[in-house]
């Protein structure tokens, strides 16, 4: 059995972005210290676990001070059996990256950086409520390369209010001048409870579809492999940690709102900070939800996740017995293709993924 993945959630940011509905918020030193103390306590349950990917996400993990980052990675290294060739990723916002911070991350074993750029246009960044500029990103990116990071991912968002197709093309072209090894592109969605929701911001689905299709063509022309709905990478630089989710491999997680999957069951931590801290203090665990999927539910989830990826899913007799008619219909409609023993999504299938998954699952 392959080693697991391990996810650590750091929920702190300098500022909540206008579109963000994640478990994240600003925090002072005292609150961050309390959270890390609880986080390290929760990690004790994973002592001796063998892992081949580690992902530090948030929030903005790079807002932690150097001593806190060292403490985090020291604890991970002491408790977990991290494989020698493990992928260790950390999310960073450009404004919180300094040469000194990058040296600390390198010393701690981080070998993959994920920059939350979102837009290469300063107007778009202001619209999203980001506090960095494109210049901040370019400075951080240059420093990352100087410090030896050779596996860098950038996140970009399309469908930003006021952004037309030509503006999106310009943003993606500017970002790709830096030749990052991995690119994630996401359509803006307006989630309940966000600043955008309160302002009644709307999105143009047809325009977003045009933006997505152009990005797919452009990234393909630049040598990136489109390996998941929203993710592109130079061959060999696909995110190993995220592939574990899409392949339903075990990933264990700690922190606020974190979800773990052991291959059969899923557990979720509290998403309320006060409750998370109290539960860890009193019981050592912040789990508030447990889910064990039935056979049919498990097959449905495996199918949905597999069809997010370009590899698709193996066409087994059992799967064909339960889903064959739907597969054949979606093949006729151009959403799926069958190549050899695998059923794979087409770009049209990815564009209509919500409809596709609803019918298949």
Protein backbone atom coordinates (compact mmCIF):
# COMPACT_ATOMS: atom_id res chain seq x y z
CA UNK A 1 0.00 0.00 0.00
CA UNK A 2 1.28 3.46 -0.90
CA UNK A 3 2.21 5.91 1.81
CA UNK A 4 -0.38 8.49 2.76
CA UNK A 5 -0.57 12.22 2.23
CA UNK A 6 -0.65 14.67 5.13
CA UNK A 7 -2.39 18.05 5.14
CA UNK A 8 -1.94 20.86 7.69
CA UNK A 9 -4.39 23.77 7.76
CA UNK A 10 -3.13 27.20 8.81
CA UNK A 11 -6.24 29.43 8.83
CA UNK A 12 -4.61 32.84 9.27
CA UNK A 13 -4.42 35.63 6.69
CA UNK A 14 -3.51 39.29 6.83
CA UNK A 15 -6.84 40.11 5.17
CA UNK A 16 -9.91 38.14 4.12
CA UNK A 17 -10.33 38.30 0.33
CA UNK A 18 -13.65 39.33 -1.18
CA UNK A 19 -14.35 35.90 -2.71
CA UNK A 20 -13.03 33.66 0.07
CA UNK A 21 -15.31 31.24 1.93
CA UNK A 22 -12.52 29.12 3.45
CA UNK A 23 -11.96 28.74 7.19
CA UNK A 24 -9.58 31.66 7.42
CA UNK A 25 -9.33 34.94 9.30
CA UNK A 26 -6.84 37.42 10.68
CA UNK A 27 -5.16 36.57 13.97
CA UNK A 28 -2.76 38.10 16.49
CA UNK A 29 0.35 36.43 17.89
CA UNK A 30 -1.45 35.13 20.98
CA UNK A 31 -4.20 33.45 18.93
CA UNK A 32 -1.72 31.98 16.48
CA UNK A 33 0.30 30.58 19.39
CA UNK A 34 -2.83 28.96 20.89
CA UNK A 35 -3.75 27.48 17.53
CA UNK A 36 -0.29 26.02 16.89
CA UNK A 37 -0.23 24.52 20.37
CA UNK A 38 -3.54 22.79 19.62
CA UNK A 39 -2.34 21.75 16.16
CA UNK A 40 0.80 20.12 17.56
CA UNK A 41 -1.31 18.33 20.13
CA UNK A 42 -3.63 16.99 17.42
CA UNK A 43 -0.63 15.73 15.44
CA UNK A 44 0.28 13.34 18.26
CA UNK A 45 -2.40 10.93 17.02
CA UNK A 46 -0.40 10.51 13.79
CA UNK A 47 2.91 9.60 15.42
CA UNK A 48 4.83 7.15 13.26
CA UNK A 49 2.59 7.56 10.21
CA UNK A 50 4.44 7.08 6.91
CA UNK A 51 3.75 9.82 4.37
CA UNK A 52 4.99 10.68 0.89
CA UNK A 53 3.34 14.09 0.51
CA UNK A 54 2.96 16.97 2.97
CA UNK A 55 0.85 20.01 2.12
CA UNK A 56 0.67 23.16 4.25
CA UNK A 57 -2.41 25.13 3.18
CA UNK A 58 -4.73 27.80 4.43
CA UNK A 59 -5.33 30.63 4.84
CA UNK A 60 -1.87 31.91 4.21
CA UNK A 61 0.71 29.67 5.90
CA UNK A 62 3.52 32.03 4.95
CA UNK A 63 2.19 34.63 7.43
CA UNK A 64 3.64 32.51 10.25
CA UNK A 65 6.85 33.83 11.78
CA UNK A 66 10.10 31.99 11.14
CA UNK A 67 10.18 30.45 14.62
CA UNK A 68 6.63 29.17 14.18
CA UNK A 69 7.45 27.66 10.79
CA UNK A 70 10.50 25.94 12.25
CA UNK A 71 8.38 24.64 15.10
CA UNK A 72 5.78 23.32 12.68
CA UNK A 73 8.26 21.47 10.49
CA UNK A 74 10.26 20.21 13.46
CA UNK A 75 7.07 18.69 14.87
CA UNK A 76 6.13 17.14 11.53
CA UNK A 77 9.61 15.66 11.16
CA UNK A 78 9.63 14.30 14.69
CA UNK A 79 6.19 12.68 14.56
CA UNK A 80 5.85 11.52 10.96
CA UNK A 81 7.94 9.16 8.86
CA UNK A 82 8.36 11.44 5.86
CA UNK A 83 9.83 9.62 2.87
CA UNK A 84 13.14 10.87 1.53
CA UNK A 85 11.64 11.81 -1.85
CA UNK A 86 8.45 13.26 -0.40
CA UNK A 87 6.71 16.20 -2.05
CA UNK A 88 6.42 18.96 0.56
CA UNK A 89 4.25 21.87 -0.60
CA UNK A 90 3.43 25.17 1.00
CA UNK A 91 0.97 27.84 -0.06
CA UNK A 92 2.35 31.38 -0.12
CA UNK A 93 0.96 34.81 -0.82
CA UNK A 94 3.45 37.08 -2.61
CA UNK A 95 3.35 39.89 -0.02
CA UNK A 96 4.41 37.55 2.80
CA UNK A 97 7.45 36.09 1.04
CA UNK A 98 10.92 37.44 1.81
CA UNK A 99 14.39 36.08 1.00
CA UNK A 100 14.82 35.14 4.66
CA UNK A 101 11.47 33.36 4.74
CA UNK A 102 12.36 31.38 1.62
CA UNK A 103 15.65 30.27 3.16
CA UNK A 104 13.77 29.03 6.22
CA UNK A 105 11.34 27.07 4.06
CA UNK A 106 14.20 25.53 2.11
CA UNK A 107 15.94 24.53 5.32
CA UNK A 108 12.68 23.00 6.59
CA UNK A 109 12.41 20.73 3.56
CA UNK A 110 9.78 22.54 1.48
CA UNK A 111 10.39 21.63 -2.17
CA UNK A 112 7.21 22.92 -3.81
CA UNK A 113 5.73 26.43 -3.54
CA UNK A 114 2.20 27.37 -4.51
CA UNK A 115 1.77 31.12 -5.07
CA UNK A 116 -1.71 32.59 -4.77
CA UNK A 117 -1.23 35.11 -7.58
CA UNK A 118 -4.90 35.12 -8.79
CA UNK A 119 -4.29 37.87 -11.36
CA UNK A 120 -1.34 39.44 -13.15
CA UNK A 121 -3.34 42.68 -13.37
CA UNK A 122 -3.29 45.06 -10.40
CA UNK A 123 -6.86 46.23 -11.07
CA UNK A 124 -8.04 42.64 -10.89
CA UNK A 125 -6.11 42.10 -7.66
CA UNK A 126 -7.75 45.13 -6.07
CA UNK A 127 -11.18 43.92 -7.20
CA UNK A 128 -10.54 40.56 -5.50
CA UNK A 129 -9.45 42.26 -2.29
CA UNK A 130 -5.89 40.97 -2.55
CA UNK A 131 -3.21 42.99 -0.74
CA UNK A 132 -0.31 42.21 -3.07
CA UNK A 133 0.55 43.70 -6.44
CA UNK A 134 1.85 41.94 -9.53
CA UNK A 135 5.22 43.52 -8.71
CA UNK A 136 5.17 41.82 -5.31
CA UNK A 137 4.65 38.50 -7.07
CA UNK A 138 7.49 39.00 -9.53
CA UNK A 139 9.87 39.91 -6.70
CA UNK A 140 8.81 36.87 -4.65
CA UNK A 141 9.06 34.56 -7.67
CA UNK A 142 12.58 35.75 -8.53
CA UNK A 143 13.68 35.23 -4.93
CA UNK A 144 12.18 31.74 -4.90
CA UNK A 145 14.20 30.79 -7.96
CA UNK A 146 17.34 32.31 -6.44
CA UNK A 147 16.79 30.18 -3.35
CA UNK A 148 16.69 27.01 -5.41
CA UNK A 149 12.96 26.30 -5.70
CA UNK A 150 12.50 24.44 -8.97
CA UNK A 151 8.88 23.34 -8.51
CA UNK A 152 6.57 26.35 -8.37
CA UNK A 153 2.83 26.54 -8.93
CA UNK A 154 0.70 29.63 -9.43
CA UNK A 155 -3.06 30.06 -8.97
CA UNK A 156 -4.99 32.30 -11.36
CA UNK A 157 -8.66 33.26 -11.35
CA UNK A 158 -10.83 34.14 -14.33
CA UNK A 159 -14.24 35.79 -14.53
CA UNK A 160 -13.22 38.58 -12.14
CA UNK A 161 -15.76 41.45 -12.14
CA UNK A 162 -14.91 43.81 -14.99
CA UNK A 163 -12.53 41.32 -16.62
CA UNK A 164 -13.15 40.67 -20.31
CA UNK A 165 -11.69 37.90 -22.43
CA UNK A 166 -8.79 40.06 -23.64
CA UNK A 167 -7.92 41.08 -20.07
CA UNK A 168 -7.87 37.41 -19.05
CA UNK A 169 -5.63 36.55 -21.99
CA UNK A 170 -3.23 39.31 -20.97
CA UNK A 171 -3.17 38.16 -17.34
CA UNK A 172 -2.39 34.55 -18.26
CA UNK A 173 0.25 35.53 -20.80
CA UNK A 174 2.03 37.77 -18.26
CA UNK A 175 1.99 35.06 -15.60
CA UNK A 176 3.34 32.40 -17.95
CA UNK A 177 6.37 34.49 -18.88
CA UNK A 178 7.88 33.10 -15.69
CA UNK A 179 7.44 29.48 -16.80
CA UNK A 180 6.10 28.05 -13.53
CA UNK A 181 6.08 24.26 -13.46
CA UNK A 182 2.39 24.14 -12.51
CA UNK A 183 -0.62 26.38 -13.15
CA UNK A 184 -4.10 26.20 -11.60
CA UNK A 185 -6.90 28.23 -13.19
CA UNK A 186 -10.21 28.71 -11.39
CA UNK A 187 -13.46 30.37 -12.38
CA UNK A 188 -14.64 32.93 -9.86
CA UNK A 189 -17.63 31.61 -7.94
CA UNK A 190 -19.67 33.76 -5.59
CA UNK A 191 -20.18 31.81 -2.37
CA UNK A 192 -22.68 32.63 0.35
CA UNK A 193 -21.26 34.61 3.24
CA UNK A 194 -18.46 36.22 1.23
CA UNK A 195 -17.96 39.93 0.57
CA UNK A 196 -18.86 39.33 -3.08
CA UNK A 197 -22.11 37.68 -2.01
CA UNK A 198 -23.01 40.63 0.21
CA UNK A 199 -22.32 42.95 -2.72
CA UNK A 200 -24.45 40.79 -5.04
CA UNK A 201 -21.58 40.28 -7.49
CA UNK A 202 -22.63 38.10 -10.43
CA UNK A 203 -20.64 36.02 -12.91
CA UNK A 204 -21.11 35.46 -16.64
CA UNK A 205 -21.03 31.70 -17.18
CA UNK A 206 -20.76 31.91 -20.96
CA UNK A 207 -17.81 34.31 -20.74
CA UNK A 208 -16.13 32.09 -18.17
CA UNK A 209 -16.53 29.10 -20.51
CA UNK A 210 -14.81 31.08 -23.30
CA UNK A 211 -12.02 32.06 -20.90
CA UNK A 212 -11.55 28.45 -19.83
CA UNK A 213 -11.37 27.11 -23.37
CA UNK A 214 -8.87 29.77 -24.42
CA UNK A 215 -6.71 29.02 -21.38
CA UNK A 216 -6.76 25.28 -22.15
CA UNK A 217 -5.55 25.92 -25.70
CA UNK A 218 -2.94 28.45 -24.64
CA UNK A 219 -1.49 26.30 -21.86
CA UNK A 220 -1.41 23.28 -24.14
CA UNK A 221 0.55 25.31 -26.66
CA UNK A 222 3.07 26.22 -23.95
CA UNK A 223 3.77 22.58 -23.12
CA UNK A 224 1.56 22.14 -20.08
CA UNK A 225 -0.33 18.88 -19.59
CA UNK A 226 -4.00 19.39 -18.70
CA UNK A 227 -4.21 16.65 -16.09
CA UNK A 228 -7.25 17.78 -14.06
CA UNK A 229 -10.19 20.10 -14.72
CA UNK A 230 -8.42 23.19 -13.36
CA UNK A 231 -4.79 22.05 -13.24
CA UNK A 232 -1.95 22.08 -15.75
CA UNK A 233 1.66 21.02 -15.31
CA UNK A 234 4.84 20.35 -17.19
CA UNK A 235 5.12 16.54 -17.39
CA UNK A 236 6.40 15.17 -14.10
CA UNK A 237 5.31 18.21 -12.09
CA UNK A 238 1.70 17.26 -11.41
CA UNK A 239 0.80 17.88 -7.76
CA UNK A 240 1.30 14.47 -6.15
CA UNK A 241 -0.61 15.49 -3.03
CA UNK A 242 -3.74 16.58 -4.87
CA UNK A 243 -3.63 13.46 -7.04
CA UNK A 244 -4.16 11.49 -3.85
CA UNK A 245 -7.54 13.15 -3.37
CA UNK A 246 -8.61 12.46 -6.93
CA UNK A 247 -7.47 8.83 -6.70
CA UNK A 248 -9.15 8.38 -3.29
CA UNK A 249 -5.88 7.46 -1.63
CA UNK A 250 -5.46 8.03 2.12
CA UNK A 251 -4.82 11.62 3.17
CA UNK A 252 -4.75 12.54 6.84
CA UNK A 253 -5.30 16.12 7.90
CA UNK A 254 -4.98 18.29 10.99
CA UNK A 255 -6.27 21.75 11.82
CA UNK A 256 -9.43 23.75 11.62
CA UNK A 257 -12.05 22.23 9.24
CA UNK A 258 -9.53 19.61 8.09
CA UNK A 259 -10.88 16.40 6.54
CA UNK A 260 -9.11 13.01 6.63
CA UNK A 261 -9.76 9.94 4.50
CA UNK A 262 -8.27 6.54 5.36
CA UNK A 263 -9.45 4.77 2.21
CA UNK A 264 -12.82 3.78 3.66
CA UNK A 265 -14.06 6.46 6.03
CA UNK A 266 -13.89 10.25 6.18
CA UNK A 267 -13.76 12.43 9.27
CA UNK A 268 -13.99 16.23 9.50
CA UNK A 269 -12.82 18.63 12.14
CA UNK A 270 -14.82 21.52 13.50
CA UNK A 271 -14.75 24.67 11.36
CA UNK A 272 -15.33 26.93 14.40
CA UNK A 273 -12.06 28.08 15.92
CA UNK A 274 -13.33 28.30 19.48
CA UNK A 275 -14.78 24.80 19.27
CA UNK A 276 -11.63 23.42 17.62
CA UNK A 277 -9.42 24.79 20.39
CA UNK A 278 -11.75 23.53 23.13
CA UNK A 279 -12.10 20.03 21.67
CA UNK A 280 -8.36 19.60 21.25
CA UNK A 281 -7.76 20.85 24.78
CA UNK A 282 -10.39 18.53 26.28
CA UNK A 283 -10.16 15.41 24.10
CA UNK A 284 -7.15 15.69 21.78
CA UNK A 285 -9.45 15.43 18.75
CA UNK A 286 -11.60 18.03 16.97
CA UNK A 287 -13.58 15.56 14.85
CA UNK A 288 -17.26 16.52 14.68
CA UNK A 289 -18.38 14.47 11.67
CA UNK A 290 -17.73 10.87 10.62
CA UNK A 291 -18.81 9.34 7.33
CA UNK A 292 -18.46 5.80 6.04
CA UNK A 293 -19.61 5.52 2.44
CA UNK A 294 -21.77 2.64 1.31
CA UNK A 295 -20.66 0.52 -1.63
CA UNK A 296 -22.72 2.51 -4.13
CA UNK A 297 -21.67 5.84 -2.63
CA UNK A 298 -18.03 4.81 -2.72
CA UNK A 299 -18.26 3.83 -6.40
CA UNK A 300 -20.02 7.09 -7.20
CA UNK A 301 -17.41 9.19 -5.45
CA UNK A 302 -14.56 7.28 -7.07
CA UNK A 303 -16.15 7.84 -10.47
CA UNK A 304 -16.71 11.56 -9.91
CA UNK A 305 -13.16 12.15 -8.71
CA UNK A 306 -11.56 10.05 -11.45
CA UNK A 307 -13.42 11.93 -14.17
CA UNK A 308 -11.94 15.17 -12.86
CA UNK A 309 -8.62 13.90 -14.22
CA UNK A 310 -7.38 13.28 -17.75
CA UNK A 311 -6.58 9.67 -16.81
CA UNK A 312 -10.27 8.95 -16.23
CA UNK A 313 -11.32 5.57 -14.87
CA UNK A 314 -10.82 1.93 -15.85
CA UNK A 315 -13.82 0.46 -17.64
CA UNK A 316 -14.42 -2.62 -15.51
CA UNK A 317 -17.31 -5.04 -16.17
CA UNK A 318 -18.87 -4.08 -12.82
CA UNK A 319 -18.70 -0.36 -13.61
CA UNK A 320 -20.10 -0.90 -17.09
CA UNK A 321 -22.97 -2.92 -15.66
CA UNK A 322 -24.07 -0.05 -13.43
CA UNK A 323 -23.11 2.98 -15.55
CA UNK A 324 -22.70 1.68 -19.11
CA UNK A 325 -25.83 3.27 -20.57
CA UNK A 326 -24.93 6.68 -19.14
CA UNK A 327 -21.35 6.34 -20.37
CA UNK A 328 -22.56 5.55 -23.88
CA UNK A 329 -24.93 8.51 -23.85
CA UNK A 330 -22.21 10.92 -22.72
CA UNK A 331 -19.87 9.51 -25.36
CA UNK A 332 -22.49 10.29 -28.00
CA UNK A 333 -22.87 13.80 -26.56
CA UNK A 334 -19.10 14.37 -26.70
CA UNK A 335 -18.53 14.56 -22.93
CA UNK A 336 -16.63 11.29 -22.58
CA UNK A 337 -14.36 9.18 -24.78
CA UNK A 338 -13.36 5.54 -24.49
CA UNK A 339 -9.75 4.72 -25.22
CA UNK A 340 -8.60 1.19 -24.60
CA UNK A 341 -9.80 0.11 -21.18
CA UNK A 342 -10.38 3.64 -19.86
CA UNK A 343 -13.24 6.12 -19.87
CA UNK A 344 -11.90 9.65 -20.06
CA UNK A 345 -13.48 13.12 -19.96
CA UNK A 346 -13.34 15.49 -22.90
CA UNK A 347 -13.01 19.24 -22.52
CA UNK A 348 -16.75 19.50 -23.12
CA UNK A 349 -17.24 16.99 -20.31
CA UNK A 350 -15.16 19.15 -18.01
CA UNK A 351 -17.12 22.27 -19.00
CA UNK A 352 -20.35 20.42 -18.16
CA UNK A 353 -18.85 18.58 -15.20
CA UNK A 354 -21.54 19.57 -12.69
CA UNK A 355 -24.28 18.11 -14.90
CA UNK A 356 -22.14 15.10 -15.75
CA UNK A 357 -21.37 14.25 -12.15
CA UNK A 358 -24.94 14.73 -10.98
CA UNK A 359 -26.16 12.13 -13.43
CA UNK A 360 -23.31 9.66 -12.95
CA UNK A 361 -23.17 9.68 -9.15
